[in-house]
Amino acid sequence: MAIDFCASNCASNVLVPPRYRRVLWIALCVNLAMFGVELAAGWGAGSVSLLADAVDFFGDAANYAVSLFVLSMGLAARARTALLKGLFMGGYGVYVLGHASWNALHGVVPEPLTMGLVGGLALVANLSVAWLLYAYREGDANMRSVWLCSRNDAIGNVAVMMAAVGVVGTGTAWPDLTVAVGMGLLGLCAARQVIAQARVELASTREVRRAHA
């Protein structure tokens, strides 16, 4: 048991640089602020892609908070947390696809100017966070899930801005809905990657326990 405890916690110390904790706090504050901005703008503009991005900001903030909580724990605890976060990311993807379907059935056309302006603000926020997290993208499943969230957000923001241009050009909601569907599928893809890596890490920790039992 002593060897297993040491192996787990020594891995934690090696894999988690002290600066990473500060980066997570910055990311948490940025994402909470942008969640409020995009939620209000999304409802006001009738944009499902903005609402989808707002939910993603909230999910990311929750992910950062959980990551901070388990940061000093062993690899097994962080892998289990990453597994839960992967499931949440998958749930986000399903939610976005469902909301896009609802808007398509009801013919809601969003307000493109708000979409473009708020999408641009969100892009600046996410690029800043992604730049801070870039150095940790090849870490354990927990670090990888954090990086993937930020990367997906930046991609989603560019897509929202493109959707705003599309809404202006077509006068329909289809550009907004298309982007929302793409964001939902991207969330499902990222969830699959995080869950797969977390399962591998959990399996490796079980092998270590059995070896030192």
N, C-alpha and C. Protein backbone atom coordinates (compact mmCIF):
# COMPACT_ATOMS: atom_id res chain seq x y z
N MET A 1 0.82 -1.21 0.00
CA MET A 1 0.00 0.00 0.00
C MET A 1 0.85 1.26 0.00
N ALA A 2 1.95 1.26 0.77
CA ALA A 2 2.81 2.44 0.84
C ALA A 2 3.42 2.73 -0.53
N ILE A 3 3.85 1.65 -1.23
CA ILE A 3 4.44 1.84 -2.54
C ILE A 3 3.42 2.39 -3.51
N ASP A 4 2.18 1.83 -3.43
CA ASP A 4 1.12 2.28 -4.33
C ASP A 4 0.78 3.74 -4.08
N PHE A 5 0.71 4.14 -2.79
CA PHE A 5 0.42 5.53 -2.45
C PHE A 5 1.50 6.45 -2.98
N CYS A 6 2.75 6.03 -2.83
CA CYS A 6 3.86 6.86 -3.30
C CYS A 6 3.84 6.98 -4.81
N ALA A 7 3.60 5.90 -5.49
CA ALA A 7 3.59 5.93 -6.95
C ALA A 7 2.52 6.86 -7.47
N SER A 8 1.34 6.78 -6.84
CA SER A 8 0.23 7.61 -7.30
C SER A 8 0.50 9.08 -7.06
N ASN A 9 0.96 9.41 -5.86
CA ASN A 9 1.12 10.81 -5.52
C ASN A 9 2.40 11.42 -6.09
N CYS A 10 3.45 10.62 -6.27
CA CYS A 10 4.65 11.13 -6.92
C CYS A 10 4.34 11.47 -8.36
N ALA A 11 3.50 10.64 -9.00
CA ALA A 11 3.09 10.95 -10.37
C ALA A 11 2.35 12.27 -10.41
N SER A 12 1.52 12.50 -9.36
CA SER A 12 0.78 13.76 -9.31
C SER A 12 1.73 14.94 -9.26
N ASN A 13 2.79 14.84 -8.42
CA ASN A 13 3.71 15.95 -8.26
C ASN A 13 4.48 16.22 -9.54
N VAL A 14 4.84 15.16 -10.28
CA VAL A 14 5.61 15.34 -11.49
C VAL A 14 4.76 15.93 -12.60
N LEU A 15 3.50 15.48 -12.69
CA LEU A 15 2.67 15.85 -13.82
C LEU A 15 1.99 17.20 -13.67
N VAL A 16 1.97 17.76 -12.48
CA VAL A 16 1.22 19.00 -12.25
C VAL A 16 2.17 20.12 -11.83
N PRO A 17 2.64 20.95 -12.76
CA PRO A 17 3.51 22.08 -12.42
C PRO A 17 2.75 23.10 -11.57
N PRO A 18 3.45 23.80 -10.67
CA PRO A 18 2.78 24.80 -9.81
C PRO A 18 2.05 25.88 -10.62
N ARG A 19 2.61 26.29 -11.74
CA ARG A 19 1.99 27.35 -12.56
C ARG A 19 0.63 26.92 -13.11
N TYR A 20 0.44 25.63 -13.27
CA TYR A 20 -0.81 25.12 -13.84
C TYR A 20 -2.01 25.50 -12.98
N ARG A 21 -1.82 25.50 -11.65
CA ARG A 21 -2.92 25.86 -10.75
C ARG A 21 -3.35 27.32 -10.99
N ARG A 22 -2.39 28.22 -11.16
CA ARG A 22 -2.72 29.62 -11.41
C ARG A 22 -3.43 29.79 -12.75
N VAL A 23 -2.99 29.04 -13.74
CA VAL A 23 -3.63 29.10 -15.05
C VAL A 23 -5.09 28.64 -14.96
N LEU A 24 -5.34 27.60 -14.18
CA LEU A 24 -6.71 27.11 -14.03
C LEU A 24 -7.61 28.15 -13.35
N TRP A 25 -7.09 28.87 -12.36
CA TRP A 25 -7.89 29.91 -11.71
C TRP A 25 -8.25 31.02 -12.70
N ILE A 26 -7.29 31.42 -13.52
CA ILE A 26 -7.57 32.43 -14.54
C ILE A 26 -8.64 31.93 -15.50
N ALA A 27 -8.48 30.69 -15.96
CA ALA A 27 -9.44 30.11 -16.90
C ALA A 27 -10.84 30.02 -16.28
N LEU A 28 -10.90 29.67 -15.00
CA LEU A 28 -12.19 29.57 -14.31
C LEU A 28 -12.90 30.92 -14.29
N CYS A 29 -12.21 31.97 -13.94
CA CYS A 29 -12.82 33.30 -13.86
C CYS A 29 -13.26 33.79 -15.24
N VAL A 30 -12.42 33.58 -16.25
CA VAL A 30 -12.76 34.01 -17.62
C VAL A 30 -14.02 33.28 -18.11
N ASN A 31 -14.09 31.98 -17.87
CA ASN A 31 -15.22 31.21 -18.37
C ASN A 31 -16.51 31.54 -17.65
N LEU A 32 -16.45 31.81 -16.36
CA LEU A 32 -17.67 32.21 -15.64
C LEU A 32 -18.20 33.55 -16.16
N ALA A 33 -17.29 34.49 -16.39
CA ALA A 33 -17.70 35.80 -16.90
C ALA A 33 -18.33 35.67 -18.28
N MET A 34 -17.71 34.89 -19.16
CA MET A 34 -18.23 34.74 -20.52
C MET A 34 -19.52 33.93 -20.56
N PHE A 35 -19.71 33.03 -19.60
CA PHE A 35 -20.98 32.31 -19.52
C PHE A 35 -22.13 33.29 -19.33
N GLY A 36 -21.97 34.23 -18.41
CA GLY A 36 -23.02 35.21 -18.17
C GLY A 36 -23.27 36.10 -19.38
N VAL A 37 -22.20 36.53 -20.03
CA VAL A 37 -22.34 37.40 -21.21
C VAL A 37 -23.05 36.67 -22.34
N GLU A 38 -22.62 35.45 -22.64
CA GLU A 38 -23.20 34.73 -23.78
C GLU A 38 -24.61 34.22 -23.50
N LEU A 39 -24.89 33.90 -22.25
CA LEU A 39 -26.25 33.46 -21.91
C LEU A 39 -27.24 34.58 -22.17
N ALA A 40 -26.92 35.78 -21.68
CA ALA A 40 -27.81 36.92 -21.89
C ALA A 40 -27.92 37.27 -23.38
N ALA A 41 -26.78 37.27 -24.08
CA ALA A 41 -26.78 37.61 -25.49
C ALA A 41 -27.49 36.56 -26.32
N GLY A 42 -27.30 35.30 -25.98
CA GLY A 42 -27.92 34.22 -26.74
C GLY A 42 -29.43 34.25 -26.67
N TRP A 43 -29.97 34.46 -25.47
CA TRP A 43 -31.42 34.55 -25.32
C TRP A 43 -31.96 35.81 -25.99
N GLY A 44 -31.22 36.90 -25.84
CA GLY A 44 -31.68 38.15 -26.44
C GLY A 44 -31.67 38.12 -27.95
N ALA A 45 -30.66 37.44 -28.54
CA ALA A 45 -30.53 37.39 -30.00
C ALA A 45 -31.26 36.20 -30.61
N GLY A 46 -31.72 35.28 -29.79
CA GLY A 46 -32.38 34.09 -30.32
C GLY A 46 -31.42 33.17 -31.04
N SER A 47 -30.15 33.14 -30.62
CA SER A 47 -29.12 32.36 -31.30
C SER A 47 -28.82 31.08 -30.54
N VAL A 48 -29.08 29.94 -31.17
CA VAL A 48 -28.80 28.66 -30.51
C VAL A 48 -27.31 28.40 -30.45
N SER A 49 -26.53 28.92 -31.41
CA SER A 49 -25.07 28.72 -31.35
C SER A 49 -24.46 29.51 -30.19
N LEU A 50 -24.97 30.71 -29.92
CA LEU A 50 -24.48 31.47 -28.76
C LEU A 50 -24.89 30.78 -27.46
N LEU A 51 -26.11 30.29 -27.39
CA LEU A 51 -26.54 29.58 -26.19
C LEU A 51 -25.72 28.32 -25.98
N ALA A 52 -25.43 27.62 -27.08
CA ALA A 52 -24.61 26.42 -26.98
C ALA A 52 -23.22 26.78 -26.46
N ASP A 53 -22.68 27.88 -26.94
CA ASP A 53 -21.36 28.31 -26.49
C ASP A 53 -21.40 28.75 -25.03
N ALA A 54 -22.52 29.37 -24.61
CA ALA A 54 -22.66 29.77 -23.20
C ALA A 54 -22.67 28.55 -22.29
N VAL A 55 -23.42 27.52 -22.68
CA VAL A 55 -23.45 26.29 -21.89
C VAL A 55 -22.06 25.67 -21.85
N ASP A 56 -21.33 25.76 -22.96
CA ASP A 56 -19.98 25.24 -23.00
C ASP A 56 -19.07 26.01 -22.04
N PHE A 57 -19.22 27.34 -21.98
CA PHE A 57 -18.44 28.13 -21.04
C PHE A 57 -18.72 27.69 -19.60
N PHE A 58 -20.00 27.46 -19.29
CA PHE A 58 -20.36 27.03 -17.94
C PHE A 58 -19.75 25.66 -17.64
N GLY A 59 -19.86 24.75 -18.62
CA GLY A 59 -19.27 23.43 -18.43
C GLY A 59 -17.77 23.49 -18.23
N ASP A 60 -17.11 24.37 -18.98
CA ASP A 60 -15.67 24.53 -18.82
C ASP A 60 -15.32 25.08 -17.44
N ALA A 61 -16.11 26.06 -16.98
CA ALA A 61 -15.86 26.62 -15.65
C ALA A 61 -15.98 25.53 -14.57
N ALA A 62 -17.01 24.69 -14.72
CA ALA A 62 -17.18 23.57 -13.78
C ALA A 62 -16.00 22.60 -13.88
N ASN A 63 -15.54 22.36 -15.11
CA ASN A 63 -14.39 21.48 -15.30
C ASN A 63 -13.13 22.03 -14.62
N TYR A 64 -12.91 23.34 -14.77
CA TYR A 64 -11.74 23.95 -14.15
C TYR A 64 -11.84 23.88 -12.63
N ALA A 65 -13.04 24.10 -12.10
CA ALA A 65 -13.22 24.04 -10.65
C ALA A 65 -12.93 22.63 -10.12
N VAL A 66 -13.46 21.62 -10.83
CA VAL A 66 -13.21 20.23 -10.42
C VAL A 66 -11.74 19.90 -10.56
N SER A 67 -11.11 20.37 -11.63
CA SER A 67 -9.68 20.11 -11.85
C SER A 67 -8.85 20.69 -10.72
N LEU A 68 -9.21 21.90 -10.26
CA LEU A 68 -8.49 22.51 -9.14
C LEU A 68 -8.65 21.67 -7.87
N PHE A 69 -9.83 21.10 -7.69
CA PHE A 69 -10.11 20.31 -6.49
C PHE A 69 -9.26 19.04 -6.44
N VAL A 70 -9.06 18.39 -7.60
CA VAL A 70 -8.34 17.11 -7.62
C VAL A 70 -6.87 17.26 -8.00
N LEU A 71 -6.41 18.50 -8.15
CA LEU A 71 -5.07 18.74 -8.69
C LEU A 71 -3.97 18.08 -7.86
N SER A 72 -4.14 18.08 -6.53
CA SER A 72 -3.10 17.53 -5.68
C SER A 72 -3.30 16.04 -5.39
N MET A 73 -4.33 15.45 -5.98
CA MET A 73 -4.60 14.03 -5.75
C MET A 73 -3.78 13.18 -6.72
N GLY A 74 -3.84 11.88 -6.54
CA GLY A 74 -3.09 10.96 -7.38
C GLY A 74 -3.67 10.84 -8.78
N LEU A 75 -2.95 10.11 -9.63
CA LEU A 75 -3.36 9.95 -11.02
C LEU A 75 -4.71 9.26 -11.14
N ALA A 76 -4.99 8.29 -10.28
CA ALA A 76 -6.26 7.57 -10.36
C ALA A 76 -7.44 8.51 -10.11
N ALA A 77 -7.33 9.39 -9.10
CA ALA A 77 -8.41 10.33 -8.80
C ALA A 77 -8.60 11.30 -9.95
N ARG A 78 -7.50 11.78 -10.55
CA ARG A 78 -7.61 12.70 -11.66
C ARG A 78 -8.20 12.03 -12.89
N ALA A 79 -7.86 10.75 -13.09
CA ALA A 79 -8.41 10.02 -14.23
C ALA A 79 -9.90 9.80 -14.06
N ARG A 80 -10.35 9.49 -12.82
CA ARG A 80 -11.80 9.32 -12.59
C ARG A 80 -12.53 10.63 -12.82
N THR A 81 -11.91 11.75 -12.42
CA THR A 81 -12.52 13.06 -12.66
C THR A 81 -12.60 13.35 -14.15
N ALA A 82 -11.54 13.02 -14.87
CA ALA A 82 -11.55 13.23 -16.32
C ALA A 82 -12.63 12.40 -16.98
N LEU A 83 -12.86 11.20 -16.46
CA LEU A 83 -13.92 10.35 -17.01
C LEU A 83 -15.28 11.00 -16.84
N LEU A 84 -15.53 11.57 -15.67
CA LEU A 84 -16.79 12.27 -15.42
C LEU A 84 -16.92 13.50 -16.33
N LYS A 85 -15.81 14.22 -16.51
CA LYS A 85 -15.84 15.40 -17.37
C LYS A 85 -16.09 15.01 -18.82
N GLY A 86 -15.53 13.87 -19.23
CA GLY A 86 -15.79 13.39 -20.58
C GLY A 86 -17.26 13.09 -20.78
N LEU A 87 -17.90 12.49 -19.78
CA LEU A 87 -19.34 12.23 -19.86
C LEU A 87 -20.13 13.54 -19.93
N PHE A 88 -19.70 14.54 -19.17
CA PHE A 88 -20.36 15.84 -19.21
C PHE A 88 -20.23 16.47 -20.59
N MET A 89 -19.03 16.38 -21.18
CA MET A 89 -18.82 16.93 -22.51
C MET A 89 -19.72 16.24 -23.53
N GLY A 90 -19.90 14.93 -23.37
CA GLY A 90 -20.82 14.22 -24.26
C GLY A 90 -22.25 14.67 -24.06
N GLY A 91 -22.63 14.91 -22.80
CA GLY A 91 -23.97 15.41 -22.52
C GLY A 91 -24.21 16.78 -23.12
N TYR A 92 -23.18 17.61 -23.10
CA TYR A 92 -23.26 18.93 -23.73
C TYR A 92 -23.52 18.79 -25.22
N GLY A 93 -22.81 17.87 -25.86
CA GLY A 93 -23.01 17.66 -27.29
C GLY A 93 -24.44 17.25 -27.61
N VAL A 94 -24.99 16.36 -26.80
CA VAL A 94 -26.37 15.91 -27.01
C VAL A 94 -27.35 17.08 -26.81
N TYR A 95 -27.10 17.90 -25.77
CA TYR A 95 -27.97 19.05 -25.51
C TYR A 95 -27.99 20.01 -26.69
N VAL A 96 -26.82 20.32 -27.24
CA VAL A 96 -26.73 21.26 -28.34
C VAL A 96 -27.49 20.73 -29.56
N LEU A 97 -27.32 19.46 -29.86
CA LEU A 97 -28.03 18.87 -31.00
C LEU A 97 -29.54 18.93 -30.80
N GLY A 98 -29.97 18.67 -29.56
CA GLY A 98 -31.41 18.74 -29.28
C GLY A 98 -31.97 20.15 -29.40
N HIS A 99 -31.21 21.15 -28.91
CA HIS A 99 -31.66 22.54 -28.97
C HIS A 99 -31.71 23.03 -30.41
N ALA A 100 -30.72 22.62 -31.21
CA ALA A 100 -30.71 23.00 -32.63
C ALA A 100 -31.93 22.42 -33.34
N SER A 101 -32.28 21.19 -33.01
CA SER A 101 -33.46 20.58 -33.62
C SER A 101 -34.73 21.34 -33.24
N TRP A 102 -34.83 21.76 -31.98
CA TRP A 102 -36.00 22.52 -31.53
C TRP A 102 -36.13 23.83 -32.29
N ASN A 103 -35.01 24.56 -32.42
CA ASN A 103 -35.04 25.84 -33.14
C ASN A 103 -35.37 25.66 -34.61
N ALA A 104 -34.90 24.55 -35.20
CA ALA A 104 -35.20 24.29 -36.61
C ALA A 104 -36.69 24.07 -36.80
N LEU A 105 -37.31 23.36 -35.88
CA LEU A 105 -38.75 23.09 -35.99
C LEU A 105 -39.59 24.35 -35.80
N HIS A 106 -39.10 25.30 -34.99
CA HIS A 106 -39.88 26.49 -34.69
C HIS A 106 -39.47 27.70 -35.55
N GLY A 107 -38.48 27.54 -36.39
CA GLY A 107 -38.12 28.60 -37.34
C GLY A 107 -37.61 29.88 -36.70
N VAL A 108 -36.85 29.79 -35.62
CA VAL A 108 -36.32 30.98 -34.94
C VAL A 108 -35.12 31.52 -35.72
N VAL A 109 -35.18 32.79 -36.14
CA VAL A 109 -34.06 33.42 -36.86
C VAL A 109 -33.32 34.34 -35.89
N PRO A 110 -32.03 34.11 -35.65
CA PRO A 110 -31.28 34.91 -34.67
C PRO A 110 -30.91 36.29 -35.18
N GLU A 111 -30.47 37.15 -34.24
CA GLU A 111 -30.04 38.51 -34.58
C GLU A 111 -28.54 38.48 -34.81
N PRO A 112 -28.08 38.69 -36.06
CA PRO A 112 -26.69 38.42 -36.41
C PRO A 112 -25.66 39.39 -35.81
N LEU A 113 -26.01 40.67 -35.60
CA LEU A 113 -25.03 41.61 -35.09
C LEU A 113 -24.57 41.21 -33.70
N THR A 114 -25.51 40.85 -32.84
CA THR A 114 -25.16 40.40 -31.49
C THR A 114 -24.31 39.13 -31.56
N MET A 115 -24.69 38.21 -32.45
CA MET A 115 -23.92 36.98 -32.60
C MET A 115 -22.46 37.28 -32.94
N GLY A 116 -22.25 38.19 -33.90
CA GLY A 116 -20.89 38.50 -34.34
C GLY A 116 -20.07 39.18 -33.26
N LEU A 117 -20.65 40.17 -32.59
CA LEU A 117 -19.91 40.92 -31.58
C LEU A 117 -19.56 40.06 -30.38
N VAL A 118 -20.55 39.33 -29.87
CA VAL A 118 -20.30 38.48 -28.70
C VAL A 118 -19.39 37.31 -29.07
N GLY A 119 -19.56 36.78 -30.28
CA GLY A 119 -18.68 35.71 -30.74
C GLY A 119 -17.23 36.17 -30.80
N GLY A 120 -17.01 37.41 -31.23
CA GLY A 120 -15.65 37.96 -31.28
C GLY A 120 -15.05 38.13 -29.90
N LEU A 121 -15.87 38.63 -28.95
CA LEU A 121 -15.40 38.78 -27.57
C LEU A 121 -15.05 37.43 -26.97
N ALA A 122 -15.90 36.45 -27.22
CA ALA A 122 -15.64 35.10 -26.70
C ALA A 122 -14.39 34.50 -27.31
N LEU A 123 -14.15 34.78 -28.58
CA LEU A 123 -12.95 34.26 -29.24
C LEU A 123 -11.69 34.81 -28.57
N VAL A 124 -11.67 36.10 -28.27
CA VAL A 124 -10.51 36.69 -27.59
C VAL A 124 -10.29 36.02 -26.23
N ALA A 125 -11.38 35.81 -25.50
CA ALA A 125 -11.28 35.18 -24.18
C ALA A 125 -10.73 33.76 -24.29
N ASN A 126 -11.27 32.99 -25.25
CA ASN A 126 -10.86 31.59 -25.36
C ASN A 126 -9.45 31.43 -25.91
N LEU A 127 -9.06 32.30 -26.83
CA LEU A 127 -7.69 32.22 -27.34
C LEU A 127 -6.69 32.53 -26.22
N SER A 128 -7.05 33.46 -25.35
CA SER A 128 -6.16 33.79 -24.22
C SER A 128 -6.00 32.59 -23.29
N VAL A 129 -7.13 31.93 -22.97
CA VAL A 129 -7.08 30.75 -22.10
C VAL A 129 -6.35 29.60 -22.78
N ALA A 130 -6.65 29.38 -24.07
CA ALA A 130 -6.00 28.29 -24.80
C ALA A 130 -4.49 28.49 -24.87
N TRP A 131 -4.06 29.74 -25.03
CA TRP A 131 -2.62 30.05 -25.07
C TRP A 131 -1.97 29.71 -23.73
N LEU A 132 -2.65 30.01 -22.63
CA LEU A 132 -2.11 29.70 -21.31
C LEU A 132 -2.03 28.19 -21.07
N LEU A 133 -2.98 27.44 -21.64
CA LEU A 133 -3.05 26.00 -21.40
C LEU A 133 -2.27 25.17 -22.42
N TYR A 134 -1.79 25.81 -23.47
CA TYR A 134 -1.17 25.07 -24.57
C TYR A 134 0.00 24.20 -24.10
N ALA A 135 0.77 24.69 -23.16
CA ALA A 135 1.94 23.95 -22.70
C ALA A 135 1.58 22.65 -21.99
N TYR A 136 0.31 22.50 -21.56
CA TYR A 136 -0.10 21.33 -20.78
C TYR A 136 -1.01 20.40 -21.57
N ARG A 137 -1.06 20.56 -22.89
CA ARG A 137 -2.01 19.79 -23.71
C ARG A 137 -1.66 18.31 -23.80
N GLU A 138 -0.40 17.94 -23.52
CA GLU A 138 0.02 16.54 -23.62
C GLU A 138 0.12 15.88 -22.24
N GLY A 139 -0.53 16.47 -21.23
CA GLY A 139 -0.48 15.89 -19.89
C GLY A 139 -1.42 14.71 -19.74
N ASP A 140 -1.84 14.43 -18.49
CA ASP A 140 -2.74 13.31 -18.25
C ASP A 140 -4.14 13.63 -18.78
N ALA A 141 -5.08 12.70 -18.58
CA ALA A 141 -6.42 12.87 -19.15
C ALA A 141 -7.11 14.11 -18.61
N ASN A 142 -6.85 14.43 -17.33
CA ASN A 142 -7.47 15.61 -16.75
C ASN A 142 -6.97 16.89 -17.44
N MET A 143 -5.63 16.99 -17.63
CA MET A 143 -5.06 18.14 -18.33
C MET A 143 -5.54 18.19 -19.78
N ARG A 144 -5.59 17.02 -20.41
CA ARG A 144 -6.01 16.98 -21.81
C ARG A 144 -7.45 17.44 -21.96
N SER A 145 -8.32 17.07 -21.01
CA SER A 145 -9.71 17.48 -21.11
C SER A 145 -9.84 18.99 -21.00
N VAL A 146 -9.03 19.60 -20.16
CA VAL A 146 -9.05 21.06 -20.00
C VAL A 146 -8.59 21.74 -21.29
N TRP A 147 -7.51 21.24 -21.88
CA TRP A 147 -7.01 21.81 -23.13
C TRP A 147 -8.02 21.66 -24.25
N LEU A 148 -8.65 20.46 -24.36
CA LEU A 148 -9.61 20.23 -25.43
C LEU A 148 -10.82 21.16 -25.30
N CYS A 149 -11.24 21.41 -24.06
CA CYS A 149 -12.37 22.32 -23.85
C CYS A 149 -12.04 23.71 -24.40
N SER A 150 -10.85 24.22 -24.09
CA SER A 150 -10.47 25.55 -24.54
C SER A 150 -10.30 25.59 -26.06
N ARG A 151 -9.69 24.55 -26.61
CA ARG A 151 -9.52 24.50 -28.07
C ARG A 151 -10.88 24.48 -28.77
N ASN A 152 -11.79 23.64 -28.27
CA ASN A 152 -13.12 23.55 -28.89
C ASN A 152 -13.86 24.88 -28.80
N ASP A 153 -13.68 25.57 -27.68
CA ASP A 153 -14.35 26.86 -27.52
C ASP A 153 -13.88 27.86 -28.57
N ALA A 154 -12.57 27.93 -28.79
CA ALA A 154 -12.03 28.86 -29.78
C ALA A 154 -12.56 28.53 -31.17
N ILE A 155 -12.59 27.25 -31.50
CA ILE A 155 -13.14 26.84 -32.80
C ILE A 155 -14.61 27.22 -32.90
N GLY A 156 -15.33 27.00 -31.82
CA GLY A 156 -16.75 27.34 -31.81
C GLY A 156 -17.00 28.83 -31.98
N ASN A 157 -16.15 29.66 -31.38
CA ASN A 157 -16.33 31.11 -31.51
C ASN A 157 -16.14 31.58 -32.94
N VAL A 158 -15.13 31.04 -33.63
CA VAL A 158 -14.94 31.38 -35.04
C VAL A 158 -16.17 30.96 -35.85
N ALA A 159 -16.68 29.79 -35.53
CA ALA A 159 -17.85 29.29 -36.25
C ALA A 159 -19.08 30.16 -35.99
N VAL A 160 -19.25 30.65 -34.76
CA VAL A 160 -20.38 31.52 -34.45
C VAL A 160 -20.30 32.81 -35.26
N MET A 161 -19.10 33.37 -35.37
CA MET A 161 -18.94 34.59 -36.16
C MET A 161 -19.25 34.34 -37.64
N MET A 162 -18.84 33.19 -38.15
CA MET A 162 -19.16 32.84 -39.53
C MET A 162 -20.66 32.63 -39.71
N ALA A 163 -21.29 32.06 -38.68
CA ALA A 163 -22.73 31.86 -38.74
C ALA A 163 -23.47 33.20 -38.79
N ALA A 164 -22.95 34.18 -38.04
CA ALA A 164 -23.57 35.51 -38.05
C ALA A 164 -23.56 36.10 -39.46
N VAL A 165 -22.42 35.93 -40.15
CA VAL A 165 -22.32 36.41 -41.53
C VAL A 165 -23.31 35.64 -42.41
N GLY A 166 -23.43 34.34 -42.19
CA GLY A 166 -24.35 33.52 -42.96
C GLY A 166 -25.79 33.91 -42.75
N VAL A 167 -26.16 34.26 -41.52
CA VAL A 167 -27.53 34.69 -41.23
C VAL A 167 -27.86 35.98 -41.96
N VAL A 168 -26.88 36.91 -42.00
CA VAL A 168 -27.08 38.16 -42.73
C VAL A 168 -27.28 37.88 -44.22
N GLY A 169 -26.46 36.98 -44.76
CA GLY A 169 -26.52 36.71 -46.18
C GLY A 169 -27.75 35.96 -46.64
N THR A 170 -28.24 35.04 -45.79
CA THR A 170 -29.38 34.20 -46.20
C THR A 170 -30.71 34.64 -45.61
N GLY A 171 -30.67 35.38 -44.49
CA GLY A 171 -31.91 35.77 -43.84
C GLY A 171 -32.63 34.60 -43.17
N THR A 172 -31.91 33.49 -42.97
CA THR A 172 -32.50 32.31 -42.34
C THR A 172 -31.67 31.90 -41.13
N ALA A 173 -32.18 30.93 -40.38
CA ALA A 173 -31.49 30.44 -39.18
C ALA A 173 -30.53 29.31 -39.49
N TRP A 174 -30.48 28.83 -40.73
CA TRP A 174 -29.71 27.63 -41.03
C TRP A 174 -28.21 27.77 -40.77
N PRO A 175 -27.57 28.90 -41.05
CA PRO A 175 -26.15 28.99 -40.67
C PRO A 175 -25.92 28.82 -39.17
N ASP A 176 -26.79 29.43 -38.38
CA ASP A 176 -26.70 29.32 -36.92
C ASP A 176 -26.91 27.87 -36.48
N LEU A 177 -27.89 27.21 -37.06
CA LEU A 177 -28.20 25.83 -36.70
C LEU A 177 -27.07 24.89 -37.14
N THR A 178 -26.51 25.15 -38.31
CA THR A 178 -25.43 24.31 -38.80
C THR A 178 -24.22 24.37 -37.88
N VAL A 179 -23.88 25.59 -37.44
CA VAL A 179 -22.76 25.76 -36.52
C VAL A 179 -23.05 25.07 -35.19
N ALA A 180 -24.28 25.20 -34.70
CA ALA A 180 -24.64 24.57 -33.44
C ALA A 180 -24.49 23.05 -33.53
N VAL A 181 -24.92 22.46 -34.64
CA VAL A 181 -24.79 21.02 -34.82
C VAL A 181 -23.30 20.63 -34.85
N GLY A 182 -22.49 21.43 -35.55
CA GLY A 182 -21.06 21.16 -35.59
C GLY A 182 -20.43 21.22 -34.21
N MET A 183 -20.84 22.19 -33.39
CA MET A 183 -20.32 22.32 -32.03
C MET A 183 -20.73 21.13 -31.18
N GLY A 184 -21.97 20.66 -31.39
CA GLY A 184 -22.43 19.48 -30.65
C GLY A 184 -21.62 18.25 -31.00
N LEU A 185 -21.35 18.05 -32.29
CA LEU A 185 -20.56 16.90 -32.73
C LEU A 185 -19.12 17.01 -32.25
N LEU A 186 -18.57 18.23 -32.22
CA LEU A 186 -17.21 18.43 -31.72
C LEU A 186 -17.13 18.07 -30.25
N GLY A 187 -18.18 18.43 -29.49
CA GLY A 187 -18.22 18.07 -28.08
C GLY A 187 -18.24 16.56 -27.88
N LEU A 188 -19.01 15.85 -28.71
CA LEU A 188 -19.07 14.40 -28.62
C LEU A 188 -17.72 13.77 -28.96
N CYS A 189 -17.03 14.32 -29.96
CA CYS A 189 -15.72 13.80 -30.36
C CYS A 189 -14.70 14.00 -29.24
N ALA A 190 -14.68 15.19 -28.65
CA ALA A 190 -13.74 15.46 -27.55
C ALA A 190 -14.04 14.56 -26.35
N ALA A 191 -15.33 14.34 -26.09
CA ALA A 191 -15.71 13.46 -24.98
C ALA A 191 -15.17 12.06 -25.19
N ARG A 192 -15.25 11.56 -26.42
CA ARG A 192 -14.74 10.22 -26.71
C ARG A 192 -13.23 10.14 -26.45
N GLN A 193 -12.48 11.17 -26.84
CA GLN A 193 -11.03 11.17 -26.63
C GLN A 193 -10.68 11.17 -25.15
N VAL A 194 -11.36 12.03 -24.39
CA VAL A 194 -11.06 12.15 -22.95
C VAL A 194 -11.42 10.86 -22.21
N ILE A 195 -12.59 10.31 -22.52
CA ILE A 195 -13.03 9.08 -21.85
C ILE A 195 -12.07 7.93 -22.16
N ALA A 196 -11.63 7.83 -23.42
CA ALA A 196 -10.72 6.75 -23.79
C ALA A 196 -9.40 6.86 -23.04
N GLN A 197 -8.83 8.08 -22.95
CA GLN A 197 -7.56 8.23 -22.24
C GLN A 197 -7.74 8.00 -20.74
N ALA A 198 -8.85 8.46 -20.18
CA ALA A 198 -9.09 8.26 -18.75
C ALA A 198 -9.20 6.77 -18.42
N ARG A 199 -9.84 6.01 -19.28
CA ARG A 199 -9.97 4.56 -19.05
C ARG A 199 -8.62 3.87 -19.10
N VAL A 200 -7.76 4.31 -20.02
CA VAL A 200 -6.41 3.74 -20.09
C VAL A 200 -5.64 4.04 -18.81
N GLU A 201 -5.73 5.28 -18.31
CA GLU A 201 -5.01 5.66 -17.10
C GLU A 201 -5.54 4.93 -15.87
N LEU A 202 -6.86 4.73 -15.81
CA LEU A 202 -7.43 3.97 -14.70
C LEU A 202 -6.95 2.53 -14.74
N ALA A 203 -6.89 1.96 -15.93
CA ALA A 203 -6.42 0.58 -16.06
C ALA A 203 -4.97 0.46 -15.62
N SER A 204 -4.14 1.47 -15.95
CA SER A 204 -2.73 1.42 -15.56
C SER A 204 -2.56 1.52 -14.05
N THR A 205 -3.39 2.33 -13.40
CA THR A 205 -3.28 2.43 -11.93
C THR A 205 -3.72 1.14 -11.25
N ARG A 206 -4.71 0.47 -11.85
CA ARG A 206 -5.12 -0.82 -11.29
C ARG A 206 -3.99 -1.86 -11.42
N GLU A 207 -3.28 -1.80 -12.55
CA GLU A 207 -2.15 -2.73 -12.74
C GLU A 207 -1.06 -2.45 -11.69
N VAL A 208 -0.82 -1.18 -11.38
CA VAL A 208 0.18 -0.84 -10.35
C VAL A 208 -0.23 -1.38 -9.00
N ARG A 209 -1.51 -1.25 -8.66
CA ARG A 209 -2.00 -1.75 -7.37
C ARG A 209 -1.83 -3.27 -7.28
N ARG A 210 -2.19 -3.96 -8.36
CA ARG A 210 -2.07 -5.42 -8.35
C ARG A 210 -0.61 -5.84 -8.24
N ALA A 211 0.29 -5.11 -8.89
CA ALA A 211 1.71 -5.45 -8.87
C ALA A 211 2.32 -5.30 -7.48
N HIS A 212 1.76 -4.38 -6.68
CA HIS A 212 2.33 -4.12 -5.35
C HIS A 212 1.43 -4.61 -4.23
N ALA A 213 0.42 -5.41 -4.58
CA ALA A 213 -0.49 -5.93 -3.56
C ALA A 213 0.24 -6.97 -2.70
